[in-house]
Amino acid sequence: MGRWIGGASGSGGGCGSGVGAWPRTEQERILSEVFADILGTSAVGADDDFFALGGDSILSIQVVSRARRAGLVITPRDVFVRTPEAIAAVAVPLARPSRSPPIRYR
């Protein structure tokens, strides 16, 4: 199985930071990039463990916030399943806001 180096699809090898398997879905890719950004590493694979790479409960809150900005709804508890692959399995795509008229108060 190939290894993923942050956005370089099809590249082999690792980058020295424990990079695991390539993300297979868009959700895994988003979460891998969020992990890498928060942990300050060049890339995180779909099967890399957030806490083994230096994550903690405080950083897990940042993961939730950044995932939401990227369009995925997860909870801090979801981050404790540890890998982008496992979190992607429970993530819910953020619904686009509707274009309904504003609420008018009387």
PDB file of N, CA and C in Angstrom:
ATOM      1  N   MET A   1       0.841  -1.176   0.000  1.00  0.00           N
ATOM      2  CA  MET A   1       0.000   0.000   0.000  1.00  0.00           C
ATOM      3  C   MET A   1       0.881   1.231   0.000  1.00  0.00           C
ATOM      4  N   GLY A   2       0.460   2.272  -0.722  1.00  0.00           N
ATOM      5  CA  GLY A   2       1.232   3.497  -0.829  1.00  0.00           C
ATOM      6  C   GLY A   2       1.186   4.325   0.433  1.00  0.00           C
ATOM      7  N   ARG A   3       2.062   5.286   0.497  1.00  0.00           N
ATOM      8  CA  ARG A   3       2.097   6.224   1.609  1.00  0.00           C
ATOM      9  C   ARG A   3       1.746   7.599   1.068  1.00  0.00           C
ATOM     10  N   TRP A   4       1.177   8.446   1.920  1.00  0.00           N
ATOM     11  CA  TRP A   4       0.730   9.768   1.502  1.00  0.00           C
ATOM     12  C   TRP A   4       1.660  10.836   2.013  1.00  0.00           C
ATOM     13  N   ILE A   5       2.048  11.734   1.151  1.00  0.00           N
ATOM     14  CA  ILE A   5       2.855  12.877   1.542  1.00  0.00           C
ATOM     15  C   ILE A   5       2.053  14.112   1.162  1.00  0.00           C
ATOM     16  N   GLY A   6       1.332  14.627   2.129  1.00  0.00           N
ATOM     17  CA  GLY A   6       0.466  15.787   2.024  1.00  0.00           C
ATOM     18  C   GLY A   6       0.125  16.316   0.650  1.00  0.00           C
ATOM     19  N   GLY A   7      -0.746  15.795  -0.076  1.00  0.00           N
ATOM     20  CA  GLY A   7      -1.198  16.350  -1.329  1.00  0.00           C
ATOM     21  C   GLY A   7      -0.432  15.838  -2.539  1.00  0.00           C
ATOM     22  N   ALA A   8       0.687  15.171  -2.353  1.00  0.00           N
ATOM     23  CA  ALA A   8       1.422  14.622  -3.478  1.00  0.00           C
ATOM     24  C   ALA A   8       0.877  13.234  -3.773  1.00  0.00           C
ATOM     25  N   SER A   9      -0.182  13.165  -4.537  1.00  0.00           N
ATOM     26  CA  SER A   9      -0.814  11.868  -4.771  1.00  0.00           C
ATOM     27  C   SER A   9       0.112  10.954  -5.544  1.00  0.00           C
ATOM     28  N   GLY A  10       0.127   9.723  -5.111  1.00  0.00           N
ATOM     29  CA  GLY A  10       0.924   8.720  -5.779  1.00  0.00           C
ATOM     30  C   GLY A  10       2.384   8.684  -5.361  1.00  0.00           C
ATOM     31  N   SER A  11       2.821   9.594  -4.533  1.00  0.00           N
ATOM     32  CA  SER A  11       4.215   9.594  -4.092  1.00  0.00           C
ATOM     33  C   SER A  11       4.464   8.447  -3.138  1.00  0.00           C
ATOM     34  N   GLY A  12       5.591   7.836  -3.224  1.00  0.00           N
ATOM     35  CA  GLY A  12       5.927   6.763  -2.306  1.00  0.00           C
ATOM     36  C   GLY A  12       6.777   7.271  -1.161  1.00  0.00           C
ATOM     37  N   GLY A  13       6.939   6.456  -0.162  1.00  0.00           N
ATOM     38  CA  GLY A  13       7.788   6.821   0.959  1.00  0.00           C
ATOM     39  C   GLY A  13       7.093   7.692   1.967  1.00  0.00           C
ATOM     40  N   GLY A  14       7.798   7.976   3.021  1.00  0.00           N
ATOM     41  CA  GLY A  14       7.255   8.830   4.068  1.00  0.00           C
ATOM     42  C   GLY A  14       8.044  10.116   4.159  1.00  0.00           C
ATOM     43  N   CYS A  15       7.644  10.971   5.079  1.00  0.00           N
ATOM     44  CA  CYS A  15       8.355  12.241   5.229  1.00  0.00           C
ATOM     45  C   CYS A  15       9.034  12.325   6.583  1.00  0.00           C
ATOM     46  N   GLY A  16       9.198  11.193   7.247  1.00  0.00           N
ATOM     47  CA  GLY A  16       9.890  11.197   8.518  1.00  0.00           C
ATOM     48  C   GLY A  16       9.012  11.558   9.701  1.00  0.00           C
ATOM     49  N   SER A  17       7.713  11.745   9.486  1.00  0.00           N
ATOM     50  CA  SER A  17       6.842  12.126  10.597  1.00  0.00           C
ATOM     51  C   SER A  17       5.783  11.070  10.867  1.00  0.00           C
ATOM     52  N   GLY A  18       6.035   9.831  10.485  1.00  0.00           N
ATOM     53  CA  GLY A  18       5.088   8.759  10.752  1.00  0.00           C
ATOM     54  C   GLY A  18       3.905   8.763   9.813  1.00  0.00           C
ATOM     55  N   VAL A  19       4.080   9.288   8.605  1.00  0.00           N
ATOM     56  CA  VAL A  19       2.974   9.392   7.672  1.00  0.00           C
ATOM     57  C   VAL A  19       2.489   8.007   7.273  1.00  0.00           C
ATOM     58  N   GLY A  20       1.206   7.786   7.448  1.00  0.00           N
ATOM     59  CA  GLY A  20       0.594   6.500   7.133  1.00  0.00           C
ATOM     60  C   GLY A  20      -0.006   6.461   5.745  1.00  0.00           C
ATOM     61  N   ALA A  21      -1.039   5.669   5.619  1.00  0.00           N
ATOM     62  CA  ALA A  21      -1.689   5.415   4.328  1.00  0.00           C
ATOM     63  C   ALA A  21      -2.341   6.666   3.753  1.00  0.00           C
ATOM     64  N   TRP A  22      -2.409   6.727   2.432  1.00  0.00           N
ATOM     65  CA  TRP A  22      -3.068   7.836   1.755  1.00  0.00           C
ATOM     66  C   TRP A  22      -4.527   7.910   2.168  1.00  0.00           C
ATOM     67  N   PRO A  23      -5.058   9.103   2.302  1.00  0.00           N
ATOM     68  CA  PRO A  23      -6.503   9.242   2.516  1.00  0.00           C
ATOM     69  C   PRO A  23      -7.240   8.735   1.273  1.00  0.00           C
ATOM     70  N   ARG A  24      -8.298   7.979   1.490  1.00  0.00           N
ATOM     71  CA  ARG A  24      -9.059   7.416   0.369  1.00  0.00           C
ATOM     72  C   ARG A  24     -10.289   8.241   0.023  1.00  0.00           C
ATOM     73  N   THR A  25     -10.765   9.045   0.955  1.00  0.00           N
ATOM     74  CA  THR A  25     -11.970   9.843   0.719  1.00  0.00           C
ATOM     75  C   THR A  25     -11.668  11.313   0.936  1.00  0.00           C
ATOM     76  N   GLU A  26     -12.556  12.160   0.476  1.00  0.00           N
ATOM     77  CA  GLU A  26     -12.398  13.597   0.684  1.00  0.00           C
ATOM     78  C   GLU A  26     -12.405  13.928   2.179  1.00  0.00           C
ATOM     79  N   GLN A  27     -13.263  13.250   2.951  1.00  0.00           N
ATOM     80  CA  GLN A  27     -13.314  13.498   4.393  1.00  0.00           C
ATOM     81  C   GLN A  27     -12.000  13.112   5.061  1.00  0.00           C
ATOM     82  N   GLU A  28     -11.420  11.983   4.678  1.00  0.00           N
ATOM     83  CA  GLU A  28     -10.125  11.576   5.236  1.00  0.00           C
ATOM     84  C   GLU A  28      -9.049  12.593   4.869  1.00  0.00           C
ATOM     85  N   ARG A  29      -9.087  13.092   3.638  1.00  0.00           N
ATOM     86  CA  ARG A  29      -8.097  14.079   3.196  1.00  0.00           C
ATOM     87  C   ARG A  29      -8.209  15.357   4.027  1.00  0.00           C
ATOM     88  N   ILE A  30      -9.438  15.841   4.208  1.00  0.00           N
ATOM     89  CA  ILE A  30      -9.652  17.053   5.005  1.00  0.00           C
ATOM     90  C   ILE A  30      -9.120  16.860   6.419  1.00  0.00           C
ATOM     91  N   LEU A  31      -9.486  15.751   7.042  1.00  0.00           N
ATOM     92  CA  LEU A  31      -9.064  15.507   8.425  1.00  0.00           C
ATOM     93  C   LEU A  31      -7.552  15.315   8.538  1.00  0.00           C
ATOM     94  N   SER A  32      -6.941  14.661   7.571  1.00  0.00           N
ATOM     95  CA  SER A  32      -5.485  14.499   7.573  1.00  0.00           C
ATOM     96  C   SER A  32      -4.794  15.855   7.496  1.00  0.00           C
ATOM     97  N   GLU A  33      -5.317  16.741   6.651  1.00  0.00           N
ATOM     98  CA  GLU A  33      -4.735  18.074   6.522  1.00  0.00           C
ATOM     99  C   GLU A  33      -4.948  18.899   7.796  1.00  0.00           C
ATOM    100  N   VAL A  34      -6.122  18.773   8.410  1.00  0.00           N
ATOM    101  CA  VAL A  34      -6.392  19.466   9.664  1.00  0.00           C
ATOM    102  C   VAL A  34      -5.427  18.984  10.749  1.00  0.00           C
ATOM    103  N   PHE A  35      -5.269  17.665  10.870  1.00  0.00           N
ATOM    104  CA  PHE A  35      -4.329  17.105  11.853  1.00  0.00           C
ATOM    105  C   PHE A  35      -2.934  17.675  11.618  1.00  0.00           C
ATOM    106  N   ALA A  36      -2.457  17.616  10.370  1.00  0.00           N
ATOM    107  CA  ALA A  36      -1.101  18.067  10.053  1.00  0.00           C
ATOM    108  C   ALA A  36      -0.917  19.534  10.408  1.00  0.00           C
ATOM    109  N   ASP A  37      -1.898  20.353  10.092  1.00  0.00           N
ATOM    110  CA  ASP A  37      -1.805  21.775  10.381  1.00  0.00           C
ATOM    111  C   ASP A  37      -1.731  22.028  11.889  1.00  0.00           C
ATOM    112  N   ILE A  38      -2.605  21.394  12.634  1.00  0.00           N
ATOM    113  CA  ILE A  38      -2.646  21.602  14.087  1.00  0.00           C
ATOM    114  C   ILE A  38      -1.419  21.028  14.780  1.00  0.00           C
ATOM    115  N   LEU A  39      -0.931  19.895  14.294  1.00  0.00           N
ATOM    116  CA  LEU A  39       0.225  19.250  14.920  1.00  0.00           C
ATOM    117  C   LEU A  39       1.552  19.804  14.414  1.00  0.00           C
ATOM    118  N   GLY A  40       1.489  20.685  13.411  1.00  0.00           N
ATOM    119  CA  GLY A  40       2.708  21.304  12.901  1.00  0.00           C
ATOM    120  C   GLY A  40       3.619  20.347  12.175  1.00  0.00           C
ATOM    121  N   THR A  41       3.037  19.409  11.455  1.00  0.00           N
ATOM    122  CA  THR A  41       3.831  18.451  10.686  1.00  0.00           C
ATOM    123  C   THR A  41       3.472  18.605   9.212  1.00  0.00           C
ATOM    124  N   SER A  42       4.319  18.098   8.343  1.00  0.00           N
ATOM    125  CA  SER A  42       4.092  18.280   6.913  1.00  0.00           C
ATOM    126  C   SER A  42       2.921  17.453   6.390  1.00  0.00           C
ATOM    127  N   ALA A  43       2.638  16.317   7.004  1.00  0.00           N
ATOM    128  CA  ALA A  43       1.544  15.467   6.526  1.00  0.00           C
ATOM    129  C   ALA A  43       1.167  14.446   7.591  1.00  0.00           C
ATOM    130  N   VAL A  44      -0.075  14.014   7.532  1.00  0.00           N
ATOM    131  CA  VAL A  44      -0.587  12.964   8.407  1.00  0.00           C
ATOM    132  C   VAL A  44      -1.362  11.997   7.527  1.00  0.00           C
ATOM    133  N   GLY A  45      -1.106  10.719   7.678  1.00  0.00           N
ATOM    134  CA  GLY A  45      -1.813   9.713   6.894  1.00  0.00           C
ATOM    135  C   GLY A  45      -3.165   9.380   7.503  1.00  0.00           C
ATOM    136  N   ALA A  46      -3.992   8.714   6.710  1.00  0.00           N
ATOM    137  CA  ALA A  46      -5.352   8.375   7.132  1.00  0.00           C
ATOM    138  C   ALA A  46      -5.380   7.449   8.340  1.00  0.00           C
ATOM    139  N   ASP A  47      -4.311   6.680   8.542  1.00  0.00           N
ATOM    140  CA  ASP A  47      -4.302   5.736   9.667  1.00  0.00           C
ATOM    141  C   ASP A  47      -3.355   6.161  10.800  1.00  0.00           C
ATOM    142  N   ASP A  48      -2.923   7.424  10.775  1.00  0.00           N
ATOM    143  CA  ASP A  48      -2.055   7.925  11.840  1.00  0.00           C
ATOM    144  C   ASP A  48      -2.884   8.350  13.050  1.00  0.00           C
ATOM    145  N   ASP A  49      -2.388   8.034  14.217  1.00  0.00           N
ATOM    146  CA  ASP A  49      -3.064   8.306  15.487  1.00  0.00           C
ATOM    147  C   ASP A  49      -2.765   9.730  15.956  1.00  0.00           C
ATOM    148  N   PHE A  50      -3.808  10.529  16.156  1.00  0.00           N
ATOM    149  CA  PHE A  50      -3.683  11.920  16.572  1.00  0.00           C
ATOM    150  C   PHE A  50      -2.858  12.060  17.849  1.00  0.00           C
ATOM    151  N   PHE A  51      -3.125  11.221  18.829  1.00  0.00           N
ATOM    152  CA  PHE A  51      -2.444  11.340  20.123  1.00  0.00           C
ATOM    153  C   PHE A  51      -1.014  10.808  20.068  1.00  0.00           C
ATOM    154  N   ALA A  52      -0.769   9.789  19.265  1.00  0.00           N
ATOM    155  CA  ALA A  52       0.595   9.274  19.108  1.00  0.00           C
ATOM    156  C   ALA A  52       1.496  10.294  18.412  1.00  0.00           C
ATOM    157  N   LEU A  53       0.892  11.186  17.608  1.00  0.00           N
ATOM    158  CA  LEU A  53       1.660  12.213  16.907  1.00  0.00           C
ATOM    159  C   LEU A  53       1.845  13.483  17.739  1.00  0.00           C
ATOM    160  N   GLY A  54       1.353  13.463  18.988  1.00  0.00           N
ATOM    161  CA  GLY A  54       1.551  14.608  19.866  1.00  0.00           C
ATOM    162  C   GLY A  54       0.292  15.400  20.179  1.00  0.00           C
ATOM    163  N   GLY A  55      -0.847  14.954  19.682  1.00  0.00           N
ATOM    164  CA  GLY A  55      -2.101  15.639  19.976  1.00  0.00           C
ATOM    165  C   GLY A  55      -2.515  15.456  21.424  1.00  0.00           C
ATOM    166  N   ASP A  56      -3.369  16.361  21.896  1.00  0.00           N
ATOM    167  CA  ASP A  56      -3.900  16.252  23.249  1.00  0.00           C
ATOM    168  C   ASP A  56      -5.345  16.743  23.236  1.00  0.00           C
ATOM    169  N   SER A  57      -5.979  16.729  24.395  1.00  0.00           N
ATOM    170  CA  SER A  57      -7.397  17.083  24.462  1.00  0.00           C
ATOM    171  C   SER A  57      -7.651  18.537  24.079  1.00  0.00           C
ATOM    172  N   ILE A  58      -6.737  19.431  24.395  1.00  0.00           N
ATOM    173  CA  ILE A  58      -6.896  20.834  24.021  1.00  0.00           C
ATOM    174  C   ILE A  58      -6.816  20.987  22.506  1.00  0.00           C
ATOM    175  N   LEU A  59      -5.851  20.332  21.889  1.00  0.00           N
ATOM    176  CA  LEU A  59      -5.728  20.398  20.434  1.00  0.00           C
ATOM    177  C   LEU A  59      -6.916  19.738  19.732  1.00  0.00           C
ATOM    178  N   SER A  60      -7.545  18.763  20.393  1.00  0.00           N
ATOM    179  CA  SER A  60      -8.706  18.102  19.778  1.00  0.00           C
ATOM    180  C   SER A  60      -9.845  19.097  19.559  1.00  0.00           C
ATOM    181  N   ILE A  61      -9.953  20.109  20.424  1.00  0.00           N
ATOM    182  CA  ILE A  61     -10.965  21.155  20.250  1.00  0.00           C
ATOM    183  C   ILE A  61     -10.677  21.953  18.974  1.00  0.00           C
ATOM    184  N   GLN A  62      -9.406  22.204  18.712  1.00  0.00           N
ATOM    185  CA  GLN A  62      -9.029  22.901  17.482  1.00  0.00           C
ATOM    186  C   GLN A  62      -9.344  22.052  16.252  1.00  0.00           C
ATOM    187  N   VAL A  63      -9.157  20.745  16.367  1.00  0.00           N
ATOM    188  CA  VAL A  63      -9.498  19.847  15.257  1.00  0.00           C
ATOM    189  C   VAL A  63     -10.980  19.988  14.925  1.00  0.00           C
ATOM    190  N   VAL A  64     -11.823  19.982  15.947  1.00  0.00           N
ATOM    191  CA  VAL A  64     -13.275  20.102  15.747  1.00  0.00           C
ATOM    192  C   VAL A  64     -13.603  21.417  15.037  1.00  0.00           C
ATOM    193  N   SER A  65     -13.012  22.500  15.496  1.00  0.00           N
ATOM    194  CA  SER A  65     -13.281  23.817  14.920  1.00  0.00           C
ATOM    195  C   SER A  65     -12.828  23.903  13.466  1.00  0.00           C
ATOM    196  N   ARG A  66     -11.636  23.444  13.187  1.00  0.00           N
ATOM    197  CA  ARG A  66     -11.112  23.521  11.811  1.00  0.00           C
ATOM    198  C   ARG A  66     -11.826  22.561  10.878  1.00  0.00           C
ATOM    199  N   ALA A  67     -12.209  21.409  11.384  1.00  0.00           N
ATOM    200  CA  ALA A  67     -12.979  20.477  10.557  1.00  0.00           C
ATOM    201  C   ALA A  67     -14.309  21.116  10.171  1.00  0.00           C
ATOM    202  N   ARG A  68     -14.926  21.796  11.108  1.00  0.00           N
ATOM    203  CA  ARG A  68     -16.203  22.466  10.834  1.00  0.00           C
ATOM    204  C   ARG A  68     -16.014  23.540   9.764  1.00  0.00           C
ATOM    205  N   ARG A  69     -14.944  24.328   9.876  1.00  0.00           N
ATOM    206  CA  ARG A  69     -14.664  25.344   8.845  1.00  0.00           C
ATOM    207  C   ARG A  69     -14.449  24.708   7.478  1.00  0.00           C
ATOM    208  N   ALA A  70     -13.952  23.477   7.474  1.00  0.00           N
ATOM    209  CA  ALA A  70     -13.719  22.761   6.216  1.00  0.00           C
ATOM    210  C   ALA A  70     -14.958  22.003   5.743  1.00  0.00           C
ATOM    211  N   GLY A  71     -16.045  22.063   6.533  1.00  0.00           N
ATOM    212  CA  GLY A  71     -17.296  21.459   6.080  1.00  0.00           C
ATOM    213  C   GLY A  71     -17.671  20.141   6.720  1.00  0.00           C
ATOM    214  N   LEU A  72     -16.973  19.744   7.797  1.00  0.00           N
ATOM    215  CA  LEU A  72     -17.289  18.485   8.475  1.00  0.00           C
ATOM    216  C   LEU A  72     -17.685  18.745   9.923  1.00  0.00           C
ATOM    217  N   VAL A  73     -18.752  18.106  10.355  1.00  0.00           N
ATOM    218  CA  VAL A  73     -19.186  18.227  11.741  1.00  0.00           C
ATOM    219  C   VAL A  73     -18.713  16.995  12.506  1.00  0.00           C
ATOM    220  N   ILE A  74     -17.853  17.237  13.514  1.00  0.00           N
ATOM    221  CA  ILE A  74     -17.381  16.192  14.413  1.00  0.00           C
ATOM    222  C   ILE A  74     -17.407  16.760  15.830  1.00  0.00           C
ATOM    223  N   THR A  75     -17.279  15.894  16.814  1.00  0.00           N
ATOM    224  CA  THR A  75     -17.244  16.324  18.206  1.00  0.00           C
ATOM    225  C   THR A  75     -15.854  16.045  18.780  1.00  0.00           C
ATOM    226  N   PRO A  76     -15.524  16.676  19.909  1.00  0.00           N
ATOM    227  CA  PRO A  76     -14.237  16.350  20.540  1.00  0.00           C
ATOM    228  C   PRO A  76     -14.132  14.855  20.860  1.00  0.00           C
ATOM    229  N   ARG A  77     -15.234  14.242  21.245  1.00  0.00           N
ATOM    230  CA  ARG A  77     -15.214  12.806  21.521  1.00  0.00           C
ATOM    231  C   ARG A  77     -14.847  11.997  20.271  1.00  0.00           C
ATOM    232  N   ASP A  78     -15.287  12.456  19.098  1.00  0.00           N
ATOM    233  CA  ASP A  78     -14.945  11.768  17.850  1.00  0.00           C
ATOM    234  C   ASP A  78     -13.436  11.745  17.633  1.00  0.00           C
ATOM    235  N   VAL A  79     -12.738  12.806  18.034  1.00  0.00           N
ATOM    236  CA  VAL A  79     -11.281  12.866  17.839  1.00  0.00           C
ATOM    237  C   VAL A  79     -10.600  11.757  18.637  1.00  0.00           C
ATOM    238  N   PHE A  80     -11.225  11.311  19.705  1.00  0.00           N
ATOM    239  CA  PHE A  80     -10.644  10.254  20.528  1.00  0.00           C
ATOM    240  C   PHE A  80     -10.697   8.883  19.861  1.00  0.00           C
ATOM    241  N   VAL A  81     -11.364   8.772  18.692  1.00  0.00           N
ATOM    242  CA  VAL A  81     -11.248   7.524  17.930  1.00  0.00           C
ATOM    243  C   VAL A  81      -9.932   7.505  17.171  1.00  0.00           C
ATOM    244  N   ARG A  82      -9.227   8.648  17.200  1.00  0.00           N
ATOM    245  CA  ARG A  82      -7.809   8.804  16.930  1.00  0.00           C
ATOM    246  C   ARG A  82      -7.324   8.979  15.498  1.00  0.00           C
ATOM    247  N   THR A  83      -7.868   8.318  14.501  1.00  0.00           N
ATOM    248  CA  THR A  83      -7.310   8.428  13.151  1.00  0.00           C
ATOM    249  C   THR A  83      -8.256   9.181  12.219  1.00  0.00           C
ATOM    250  N   PRO A  84      -7.709   9.887  11.206  1.00  0.00           N
ATOM    251  CA  PRO A  84      -8.581  10.541  10.237  1.00  0.00           C
ATOM    252  C   PRO A  84      -9.564   9.562   9.586  1.00  0.00           C
ATOM    253  N   GLU A  85      -9.104   8.357   9.322  1.00  0.00           N
ATOM    254  CA  GLU A  85      -9.954   7.335   8.711  1.00  0.00           C
ATOM    255  C   GLU A  85     -11.173   7.019   9.594  1.00  0.00           C
ATOM    256  N   ALA A  86     -10.939   6.797  10.887  1.00  0.00           N
ATOM    257  CA  ALA A  86     -12.027   6.455  11.807  1.00  0.00           C
ATOM    258  C   ALA A  86     -12.943   7.654  12.057  1.00  0.00           C
ATOM    259  N   ILE A  87     -12.373   8.841  12.155  1.00  0.00           N
ATOM    260  CA  ILE A  87     -13.185  10.035  12.382  1.00  0.00           C
ATOM    261  C   ILE A  87     -14.034  10.335  11.151  1.00  0.00           C
ATOM    262  N   ALA A  88     -13.459  10.154   9.962  1.00  0.00           N
ATOM    263  CA  ALA A  88     -14.215  10.385   8.724  1.00  0.00           C
ATOM    264  C   ALA A  88     -15.448   9.498   8.653  1.00  0.00           C
ATOM    265  N   ALA A  89     -15.345   8.303   9.232  1.00  0.00           N
ATOM    266  CA  ALA A  89     -16.482   7.368   9.204  1.00  0.00           C
ATOM    267  C   ALA A  89     -17.670   7.876  10.015  1.00  0.00           C
ATOM    268  N   VAL A  90     -17.426   8.742  10.999  1.00  0.00           N
ATOM    269  CA  VAL A  90     -18.520   9.271  11.827  1.00  0.00           C
ATOM    270  C   VAL A  90     -18.801  10.751  11.546  1.00  0.00           C
ATOM    271  N   ALA A  91     -17.986  11.401  10.731  1.00  0.00           N
ATOM    272  CA  ALA A  91     -18.176  12.816  10.418  1.00  0.00           C
ATOM    273  C   ALA A  91     -19.425  13.019   9.575  1.00  0.00           C
ATOM    274  N   VAL A  92     -20.064  14.144   9.788  1.00  0.00           N
ATOM    275  CA  VAL A  92     -21.267  14.502   9.032  1.00  0.00           C
ATOM    276  C   VAL A  92     -20.941  15.750   8.220  1.00  0.00           C
ATOM    277  N   PRO A  93     -21.191  15.703   6.909  1.00  0.00           N
ATOM    278  CA  PRO A  93     -20.950  16.912   6.115  1.00  0.00           C
ATOM    279  C   PRO A  93     -21.834  18.058   6.608  1.00  0.00           C
ATOM    280  N   LEU A  94     -21.252  19.228   6.695  1.00  0.00           N
ATOM    281  CA  LEU A  94     -21.985  20.408   7.141  1.00  0.00           C
ATOM    282  C   LEU A  94     -22.960  20.824   6.056  1.00  0.00           C
ATOM    283  N   ALA A  95     -24.227  20.950   6.434  1.00  0.00           N
ATOM    284  CA  ALA A  95     -25.239  21.378   5.465  1.00  0.00           C
ATOM    285  C   ALA A  95     -24.992  22.827   5.090  1.00  0.00           C
ATOM    286  N   ARG A  96     -25.164  23.129   3.844  1.00  0.00           N
ATOM    287  CA  ARG A  96     -25.016  24.505   3.386  1.00  0.00           C
ATOM    288  C   ARG A  96     -26.175  25.334   3.927  1.00  0.00           C
ATOM    289  N   PRO A  97     -25.899  26.548   4.353  1.00  0.00           N
ATOM    290  CA  PRO A  97     -26.993  27.388   4.852  1.00  0.00           C
ATOM    291  C   PRO A  97     -28.003  27.655   3.745  1.00  0.00           C
ATOM    292  N   SER A  98     -29.258  27.618   4.102  1.00  0.00           N
ATOM    293  CA  SER A  98     -30.303  27.871   3.108  1.00  0.00           C
ATOM    294  C   SER A  98     -30.401  29.360   2.826  1.00  0.00           C
ATOM    295  N   ARG A  99     -30.972  29.690   1.724  1.00  0.00           N
ATOM    296  CA  ARG A  99     -31.144  31.084   1.329  1.00  0.00           C
ATOM    297  C   ARG A  99     -32.536  31.567   1.698  1.00  0.00           C
ATOM    298  N   SER A 100     -33.015  31.178   2.860  1.00  0.00           N
ATOM    299  CA  SER A 100     -34.339  31.613   3.298  1.00  0.00           C
ATOM    300  C   SER A 100     -34.292  33.081   3.698  1.00  0.00           C
ATOM    301  N   PRO A 101     -35.433  33.765   3.587  1.00  0.00           N
ATOM    302  CA  PRO A 101     -35.445  35.183   3.949  1.00  0.00           C
ATOM    303  C   PRO A 101     -35.169  35.373   5.426  1.00  0.00           C
ATOM    304  N   PRO A 102     -34.632  36.525   5.812  1.00  0.00           N
ATOM    305  CA  PRO A 102     -34.332  36.761   7.222  1.00  0.00           C
ATOM    306  C   PRO A 102     -35.611  36.776   8.061  1.00  0.00           C
ATOM    307  N   ILE A 103     -35.459  36.413   9.312  1.00  0.00           N
ATOM    308  CA  ILE A 103     -36.594  36.427  10.235  1.00  0.00           C
ATOM    309  C   ILE A 103     -36.872  37.871  10.626  1.00  0.00           C
ATOM    310  N   ARG A 104     -38.117  38.263  10.554  1.00  0.00           N
ATOM    311  CA  ARG A 104     -38.494  39.628  10.942  1.00  0.00           C
ATOM    312  C   ARG A 104     -39.263  39.563  12.245  1.00  0.00           C
ATOM    313  N   TYR A 105     -38.818  40.319  13.196  1.00  0.00           N
ATOM    314  CA  TYR A 105     -39.479  40.371  14.498  1.00  0.00           C
ATOM    315  C   TYR A 105     -40.461  41.541  14.528  1.00  0.00           C
ATOM    316  N   ARG A 106     -41.593  41.341  15.163  1.00  0.00           N
ATOM    317  CA  ARG A 106     -42.590  42.439  15.252  1.00  0.00           C
ATOM    318  C   ARG A 106     -42.483  43.159  16.550  1.00  0.00           C
TER     319      ARG A 106
END
